[in-house]
């Protein structure tokens, strides 16, 4: 079967199936051609066939039943009719000056939680830069929990994006939609987090190294009692890696690792410091001389808590945060922080995704970017 000029083969497969449904050749309940036969018919790889069928399944046009095959859903004719109607009225952002004959741009989707103004915006800017170079459209969906993440994936698939860059909300339990994309070979790149035990394309920061940089800096400044604070627990992969880097660095320098010096799920109630009695006790009794915070929100809270208790930074306590505080209420120069290469992570994630879409690589591309230490005014030598 010949490919139409400029039409990706997976779209040709989709178009043929949609045509047969719209014209009554395939009816609800009918089984479509087996994947192996499609590979032979269209002279394509299993990845291309899976990509075509995964999108049709996400749109509820077909139902894929393991061991049995793929079947036309009861709602397929109505869904195709509605999609065709929307296609004719699609936004000019997708069609050249409203011209319905103009070709649709290649598009990709991004799903991510809002993880801090600068981190989120830097990731998006990096992705957008790479897509502008290739004239590719970008669809972004912000999440915050598993339900929103699943809904966002389904929306993007129904739109017809060619691939997805995903910043998972949680890697403690896997989102079944991400797993389905992975095992159906739909173009997928993870950023910031991986799916432990499941091989995927990804671009992440070396959080373990970042924590090591923080502890080493404090050690070089003469600090020997260093606490670790986080707004969430170690079920989040990034926090787990930062905590592991912290503990291993303490061991490296033979520094004390005490249970009271590691505080998770800190209650960031600015008006009620008594909500964190252990933290208040550590500060008032000066049991440590420095804090490493796993995220910027805790650094902000700790900064204000220390001041509210009558102490100073860095005169009484040194403080290091992860993430760039450029959009914090304090001056950018205040915090010493571990700078995450968020822009580069977004840019490289988009580059890998485009490469997957265009070339279907056989090897996984996995990149770990190194963070850097930016010395500000929140740490001092003692």
Protein backbone atom coordinates (compact mmCIF):
# COMPACT_ATOMS: atom_id res chain seq x y z
CA UNK A 1 0.00 0.00 0.00
CA UNK A 2 1.41 3.38 -0.95
CA UNK A 3 1.98 6.08 1.56
CA UNK A 4 0.52 9.47 0.68
CA UNK A 5 3.22 12.13 0.35
CA UNK A 6 3.94 13.72 3.71
CA UNK A 7 1.61 11.41 5.68
CA UNK A 8 3.17 9.36 8.50
CA UNK A 9 2.35 5.68 8.03
CA UNK A 10 0.73 5.32 11.45
CA UNK A 11 -1.72 8.07 10.42
CA UNK A 12 -2.38 6.22 7.15
CA UNK A 13 -3.36 3.14 9.19
CA UNK A 14 -5.64 5.25 11.36
CA UNK A 15 -7.16 6.98 8.35
CA UNK A 16 -7.97 3.69 6.64
CA UNK A 17 -9.64 2.27 9.76
CA UNK A 18 -11.61 5.47 10.33
CA UNK A 19 -12.71 5.50 6.66
CA UNK A 20 -13.99 1.92 6.88
CA UNK A 21 -15.92 2.71 10.06
CA UNK A 22 -17.40 5.94 8.66
CA UNK A 23 -18.55 4.11 5.51
CA UNK A 24 -20.00 1.10 7.30
CA UNK A 25 -17.36 -1.37 6.12
CA UNK A 26 -16.34 -1.96 9.73
CA UNK A 27 -19.21 -2.01 12.22
CA UNK A 28 -19.35 -1.90 16.04
CA UNK A 29 -18.13 -5.22 17.41
CA UNK A 30 -16.13 -6.11 14.29
CA UNK A 31 -12.57 -7.29 14.78
CA UNK A 32 -9.97 -5.33 12.83
CA UNK A 33 -6.99 -6.77 11.01
CA UNK A 34 -4.42 -8.41 13.37
CA UNK A 35 -1.33 -6.34 14.09
CA UNK A 36 1.00 -8.77 12.31
CA UNK A 37 -1.13 -8.58 9.16
CA UNK A 38 -1.05 -4.77 9.34
CA UNK A 39 2.74 -4.89 9.53
CA UNK A 40 2.75 -6.95 6.32
CA UNK A 41 0.05 -4.88 4.61
CA UNK A 42 1.64 -1.49 5.28
CA UNK A 43 5.28 -2.65 5.33
CA UNK A 44 5.86 -1.06 8.75
CA UNK A 45 7.26 -2.04 12.15
CA UNK A 46 5.28 -3.24 15.16
CA UNK A 47 6.03 0.13 16.81
CA UNK A 48 4.23 1.98 14.01
CA UNK A 49 1.19 -0.29 14.18
CA UNK A 50 1.05 -0.07 17.98
CA UNK A 51 1.29 3.71 17.79
CA UNK A 52 -1.67 3.88 15.41
CA UNK A 53 -3.84 1.53 17.46
CA UNK A 54 -2.90 3.09 20.82
CA UNK A 55 -4.25 6.46 19.68
CA UNK A 56 -7.43 4.88 18.30
CA UNK A 57 -7.90 3.07 21.59
CA UNK A 58 -7.34 6.26 23.61
CA UNK A 59 -10.08 7.89 21.50
CA UNK A 60 -12.40 4.93 22.27
CA UNK A 61 -12.69 4.08 18.57
CA UNK A 62 -11.33 0.58 19.15
CA UNK A 63 -10.99 -1.65 22.18
CA UNK A 64 -7.80 -3.69 22.48
CA UNK A 65 -8.31 -6.99 24.29
CA UNK A 66 -5.11 -8.88 25.16
CA UNK A 67 -5.01 -12.28 23.50
CA UNK A 68 -8.07 -11.60 21.35
CA UNK A 69 -7.32 -8.56 19.19
CA UNK A 70 -8.83 -5.12 18.58
CA UNK A 71 -12.54 -4.47 18.10
CA UNK A 72 -14.63 -1.54 16.91
CA UNK A 73 -16.46 0.08 19.86
CA UNK A 74 -20.19 0.79 19.90
CA UNK A 75 -19.51 4.54 19.97
CA UNK A 76 -16.89 4.54 17.19
CA UNK A 77 -19.12 5.87 14.35
CA UNK A 78 -20.42 8.70 16.53
CA UNK A 79 -16.93 9.58 17.79
CA UNK A 80 -15.51 9.72 14.27
CA UNK A 81 -18.39 11.86 13.10
CA UNK A 82 -17.83 14.29 15.98
CA UNK A 83 -14.07 14.38 15.43
CA UNK A 84 -14.53 15.08 11.72
CA UNK A 85 -16.90 17.92 12.60
CA UNK A 86 -14.36 19.44 14.98
CA UNK A 87 -11.61 18.96 12.40
CA UNK A 88 -13.46 21.23 10.01
CA UNK A 89 -13.75 23.92 12.68
CA UNK A 90 -10.30 23.51 14.21
CA UNK A 91 -8.45 26.57 15.55
CA UNK A 92 -6.35 28.64 13.10
CA UNK A 93 -3.41 27.93 15.41
CA UNK A 94 -3.48 24.46 13.93
CA UNK A 95 -4.48 25.37 10.39
CA UNK A 96 -2.92 27.91 8.11
CA UNK A 97 -4.96 31.13 8.40
CA UNK A 98 -8.16 29.16 8.79
CA UNK A 99 -7.62 27.33 5.54
CA UNK A 100 -9.12 23.87 6.06
CA UNK A 101 -6.93 22.47 3.31
CA UNK A 102 -3.69 23.39 5.14
CA UNK A 103 -1.79 20.43 6.61
CA UNK A 104 -1.87 19.98 10.38
CA UNK A 105 1.42 20.57 12.17
CA UNK A 106 3.19 17.77 13.94
CA UNK A 107 2.29 18.08 17.63
CA UNK A 108 3.41 16.70 20.95
CA UNK A 109 1.88 16.79 24.41
CA UNK A 110 3.36 17.59 27.82
CA UNK A 111 1.93 16.57 31.17
CA UNK A 112 3.45 17.85 34.38
CA UNK A 113 2.54 18.98 37.88
CA UNK A 114 3.15 22.59 38.86
CA UNK A 115 6.34 22.02 40.84
CA UNK A 116 7.43 25.60 41.43
CA UNK A 117 7.23 28.61 39.17
CA UNK A 118 10.78 28.54 37.89
CA UNK A 119 11.11 24.76 37.49
CA UNK A 120 7.86 24.45 35.54
CA UNK A 121 8.50 27.48 33.35
CA UNK A 122 12.11 26.47 32.63
CA UNK A 123 11.05 22.96 31.57
CA UNK A 124 8.38 24.37 29.25
CA UNK A 125 10.77 26.96 27.80
CA UNK A 126 13.31 24.25 27.04
CA UNK A 127 10.69 22.07 25.36
CA UNK A 128 9.26 25.02 23.43
CA UNK A 129 12.70 26.05 22.15
CA UNK A 130 13.30 22.66 20.57
CA UNK A 131 9.81 22.54 19.05
CA UNK A 132 10.11 26.03 17.55
CA UNK A 133 13.26 24.92 15.76
CA UNK A 134 11.25 22.08 14.19
CA UNK A 135 7.97 24.00 13.74
CA UNK A 136 6.08 21.58 15.95
CA UNK A 137 2.98 22.42 18.01
CA UNK A 138 2.86 21.98 21.79
CA UNK A 139 -0.08 20.96 23.99
CA UNK A 140 0.46 21.32 27.75
CA UNK A 141 -1.65 19.84 30.54
CA UNK A 142 -0.84 20.59 34.17
CA UNK A 143 -1.62 17.90 36.71
CA UNK A 144 -1.40 17.52 40.46
CA UNK A 145 -2.76 14.08 41.19
CA UNK A 146 -3.14 10.69 39.56
CA UNK A 147 -6.71 11.30 38.37
CA UNK A 148 -5.79 14.55 36.58
CA UNK A 149 -2.71 12.88 35.12
CA UNK A 150 -4.78 10.05 33.63
CA UNK A 151 -7.37 12.46 32.27
CA UNK A 152 -4.66 14.62 30.71
CA UNK A 153 -3.07 11.64 28.96
CA UNK A 154 -6.44 10.61 27.52
CA UNK A 155 -7.12 14.17 26.32
CA UNK A 156 -3.78 14.43 24.57
CA UNK A 157 -4.19 11.05 22.92
CA UNK A 158 -7.66 11.97 21.67
CA UNK A 159 -6.25 15.22 20.25
CA UNK A 160 -3.87 13.06 18.23
CA UNK A 161 -0.45 14.13 19.51
CA UNK A 162 2.43 12.15 18.01
CA UNK A 163 4.22 11.75 21.34
CA UNK A 164 4.16 12.78 25.01
CA UNK A 165 6.71 14.19 27.44
CA UNK A 166 5.64 13.21 30.94
CA UNK A 167 6.68 14.52 34.34
CA UNK A 168 4.90 11.91 36.52
CA UNK A 169 3.12 13.17 39.64
CA UNK A 170 4.34 10.17 41.62
CA UNK A 171 6.58 7.24 40.87
CA UNK A 172 5.65 5.26 43.99
CA UNK A 173 2.73 3.68 42.11
CA UNK A 174 2.71 3.65 38.33
CA UNK A 175 0.03 5.30 36.24
CA UNK A 176 -1.52 2.58 34.09
CA UNK A 177 -1.83 4.96 31.14
CA UNK A 178 1.91 5.62 31.16
CA UNK A 179 2.54 1.89 31.35
CA UNK A 180 0.19 1.26 28.41
CA UNK A 181 1.99 3.86 26.31
CA UNK A 182 5.32 2.28 27.17
CA UNK A 183 4.29 -1.27 26.29
CA UNK A 184 2.43 -0.22 23.14
CA UNK A 185 5.57 1.63 21.97
CA UNK A 186 3.86 5.01 21.86
CA UNK A 187 6.56 7.74 21.77
CA UNK A 188 7.10 8.67 25.43
CA UNK A 189 9.88 10.50 27.25
CA UNK A 190 9.94 10.98 31.02
CA UNK A 191 11.48 14.06 32.61
CA UNK A 192 12.56 14.61 36.23
CA UNK A 193 11.52 11.08 37.27
CA UNK A 194 11.84 7.55 35.97
CA UNK A 195 9.72 4.44 36.44
CA UNK A 196 12.05 2.20 38.50
CA UNK A 197 12.22 -1.30 37.08
CA UNK A 198 10.68 -0.23 33.75
CA UNK A 199 13.03 0.89 30.99
CA UNK A 200 12.03 4.08 29.22
CA UNK A 201 13.49 7.13 27.53
CA UNK A 202 14.17 9.80 30.15
CA UNK A 203 16.05 12.98 31.04
CA UNK A 204 16.57 13.63 34.74
CA UNK A 205 18.78 15.63 37.08
CA UNK A 206 21.33 13.92 39.30
CA UNK A 207 19.60 14.61 42.60
CA UNK A 208 21.99 12.35 44.50
CA UNK A 209 24.92 14.43 43.28
CA UNK A 210 23.08 17.66 44.13
CA UNK A 211 22.67 16.66 47.77
CA UNK A 212 26.34 15.71 47.86
CA UNK A 213 27.28 19.17 46.59
CA UNK A 214 25.18 20.76 49.34
CA UNK A 215 26.69 18.71 52.18
CA UNK A 216 30.24 19.15 50.85
CA UNK A 217 29.79 22.92 50.69
CA UNK A 218 28.58 23.02 54.29
CA UNK A 219 31.35 20.68 55.44
CA UNK A 220 33.96 22.88 53.76
CA UNK A 221 32.44 25.84 55.64
CA UNK A 222 33.01 24.06 58.95
CA UNK A 223 29.51 22.72 59.64
CA UNK A 224 29.32 19.34 61.34
CA UNK A 225 25.66 19.04 62.42
CA UNK A 226 23.48 19.29 59.32
CA UNK A 227 19.71 18.68 59.14
CA UNK A 228 17.63 17.62 56.12
CA UNK A 229 14.09 18.98 55.62
CA UNK A 230 11.42 18.21 53.00
CA UNK A 231 7.76 19.00 52.39
CA UNK A 232 7.10 15.40 51.30
CA UNK A 233 8.43 11.94 52.04
CA UNK A 234 10.88 9.66 50.28
CA UNK A 235 8.10 7.98 48.28
CA UNK A 236 8.85 10.70 45.69
CA UNK A 237 11.88 9.62 43.68
CA UNK A 238 13.56 13.01 43.56
CA UNK A 239 13.30 13.40 47.35
CA UNK A 240 14.51 9.84 47.89
CA UNK A 241 17.61 10.49 45.77
CA UNK A 242 18.31 13.79 47.52
CA UNK A 243 17.97 12.16 50.93
CA UNK A 244 20.24 9.28 49.90
CA UNK A 245 22.85 11.77 48.67
CA UNK A 246 22.59 13.60 51.99
CA UNK A 247 23.01 10.48 54.15
CA UNK A 248 25.86 9.05 52.06
CA UNK A 249 27.69 12.38 52.21
CA UNK A 250 27.34 12.50 56.00
CA UNK A 251 28.86 9.03 56.14
CA UNK A 252 31.64 10.10 53.79
CA UNK A 253 32.65 12.91 56.16
CA UNK A 254 31.94 10.88 59.35
CA UNK A 255 29.22 13.34 60.38
CA UNK A 256 26.35 12.41 62.75
CA UNK A 257 23.15 11.11 61.16
CA UNK A 258 20.43 11.49 63.78
CA UNK A 259 16.73 10.71 63.39
CA UNK A 260 15.74 14.14 64.70
CA UNK A 261 17.88 15.80 62.03
CA UNK A 262 15.75 14.42 59.18
CA UNK A 263 12.31 15.98 58.95
CA UNK A 264 9.74 15.09 56.30
CA UNK A 265 6.21 16.35 55.55
CA UNK A 266 6.89 19.64 57.33
CA UNK A 267 3.74 21.60 58.11
CA UNK A 268 4.32 24.96 56.44
CA UNK A 269 1.91 26.95 58.61
CA UNK A 270 3.58 30.35 58.92
CA UNK A 271 1.25 31.44 61.76
CA UNK A 272 1.67 28.38 63.97
CA UNK A 273 5.32 27.36 64.48
CA UNK A 274 4.20 24.93 67.18
CA UNK A 275 2.97 22.70 64.35
CA UNK A 276 6.61 21.59 63.98
CA UNK A 277 7.83 21.06 67.57
CA UNK A 278 10.91 19.04 66.61
CA UNK A 279 12.03 21.67 64.13
CA UNK A 280 11.44 24.48 66.64
CA UNK A 281 13.42 22.54 69.26
CA UNK A 282 16.35 22.06 66.88
CA UNK A 283 16.44 25.79 66.16
CA UNK A 284 15.95 27.09 69.70
CA UNK A 285 18.56 24.74 71.14
CA UNK A 286 20.88 25.22 68.15
CA UNK A 287 21.30 21.47 67.80
CA UNK A 288 22.44 21.96 64.20
CA UNK A 289 24.29 24.76 62.47
CA UNK A 290 22.94 24.18 58.95
CA UNK A 291 19.94 22.91 56.99
CA UNK A 292 19.64 21.28 53.58
CA UNK A 293 16.10 21.65 52.24
CA UNK A 294 14.87 19.32 49.51
CA UNK A 295 12.59 21.92 47.93
CA UNK A 296 12.25 25.69 47.76
CA UNK A 297 8.91 25.90 49.59
CA UNK A 298 10.50 24.42 52.73
CA UNK A 299 13.50 26.75 52.38
CA UNK A 300 11.16 29.75 52.35
CA UNK A 301 9.24 28.45 55.35
CA UNK A 302 12.40 27.63 57.31
CA UNK A 303 13.87 31.04 56.53
CA UNK A 304 10.82 32.78 58.00
CA UNK A 305 10.58 30.40 60.95
CA UNK A 306 14.20 31.01 61.94
CA UNK A 307 13.68 34.78 61.76
CA UNK A 308 10.41 34.59 63.72
CA UNK A 309 12.20 32.74 66.54
CA UNK A 310 14.73 35.54 66.84
CA UNK A 311 17.65 33.99 64.93
CA UNK A 312 19.48 35.06 61.78
CA UNK A 313 20.64 33.56 58.49
CA UNK A 314 23.53 32.97 57.99
CA UNK A 315 24.87 34.28 61.32
CA UNK A 316 23.09 31.61 63.40
CA UNK A 317 22.15 29.02 60.78
CA UNK A 318 23.25 28.30 57.22
CA UNK A 319 20.61 27.24 54.70
CA UNK A 320 20.86 25.52 51.30
CA UNK A 321 17.88 24.88 49.05
CA UNK A 322 17.25 22.80 45.95
CA UNK A 323 15.74 24.66 42.99
CA UNK A 324 16.34 28.15 41.69
CA UNK A 325 14.77 30.82 43.98
CA UNK A 326 14.55 33.40 41.19
CA UNK A 327 10.79 33.81 41.70
CA UNK A 328 10.81 33.64 45.49
CA UNK A 329 9.74 36.62 47.56
CA UNK A 330 13.32 37.04 48.67
CA UNK A 331 16.20 38.37 46.61
CA UNK A 332 17.68 35.88 44.18
CA UNK A 333 21.08 36.49 45.76
CA UNK A 334 19.92 35.43 49.23
CA UNK A 335 19.85 31.66 48.99
CA UNK A 336 22.71 29.30 48.37
CA UNK A 337 21.04 26.66 46.22
CA UNK A 338 21.44 23.62 44.03
CA UNK A 339 20.57 24.75 40.53
CA UNK A 340 18.68 22.13 38.55
CA UNK A 341 19.25 22.16 34.76
CA UNK A 342 15.50 22.40 34.12
CA UNK A 343 15.75 24.21 30.78
CA UNK A 344 18.22 21.64 29.46
CA UNK A 345 16.07 18.77 30.73
CA UNK A 346 13.06 20.13 28.82
CA UNK A 347 15.10 20.82 25.69
CA UNK A 348 16.74 17.38 25.63
CA UNK A 349 13.44 15.65 26.43
CA UNK A 350 11.84 17.29 23.38
CA UNK A 351 14.85 16.44 21.21
CA UNK A 352 14.65 12.78 22.19
CA UNK A 353 10.90 12.65 21.60
CA UNK A 354 11.23 14.12 18.12
CA UNK A 355 13.96 11.61 17.36
CA UNK A 356 11.71 8.74 18.50
CA UNK A 357 8.83 9.99 16.34
CA UNK A 358 10.97 10.45 13.25
CA UNK A 359 13.39 7.53 13.48
CA UNK A 360 11.94 4.92 15.89
CA UNK A 361 15.32 4.24 17.63
CA UNK A 362 15.97 0.74 18.89
CA UNK A 363 17.88 1.84 22.01
CA UNK A 364 16.57 3.83 24.95
CA UNK A 365 18.02 7.30 25.34
CA UNK A 366 18.63 8.01 29.02
CA UNK A 367 20.30 11.22 30.13
CA UNK A 368 21.29 12.31 33.64
CA UNK A 369 22.12 16.02 33.87
CA UNK A 370 24.48 17.39 36.51
CA UNK A 371 23.28 20.15 38.87
CA UNK A 372 25.50 23.00 40.07
CA UNK A 373 26.00 24.79 43.37
CA UNK A 374 25.22 28.52 43.37
CA UNK A 375 26.63 30.23 46.44
CA UNK A 376 24.44 33.00 47.84
CA UNK A 377 24.14 34.78 51.16
CA UNK A 378 22.42 32.04 53.20
CA UNK A 379 25.61 30.10 54.05
CA UNK A 380 28.79 31.16 55.86
CA UNK A 381 31.96 29.71 57.29
CA UNK A 382 32.06 28.95 61.00
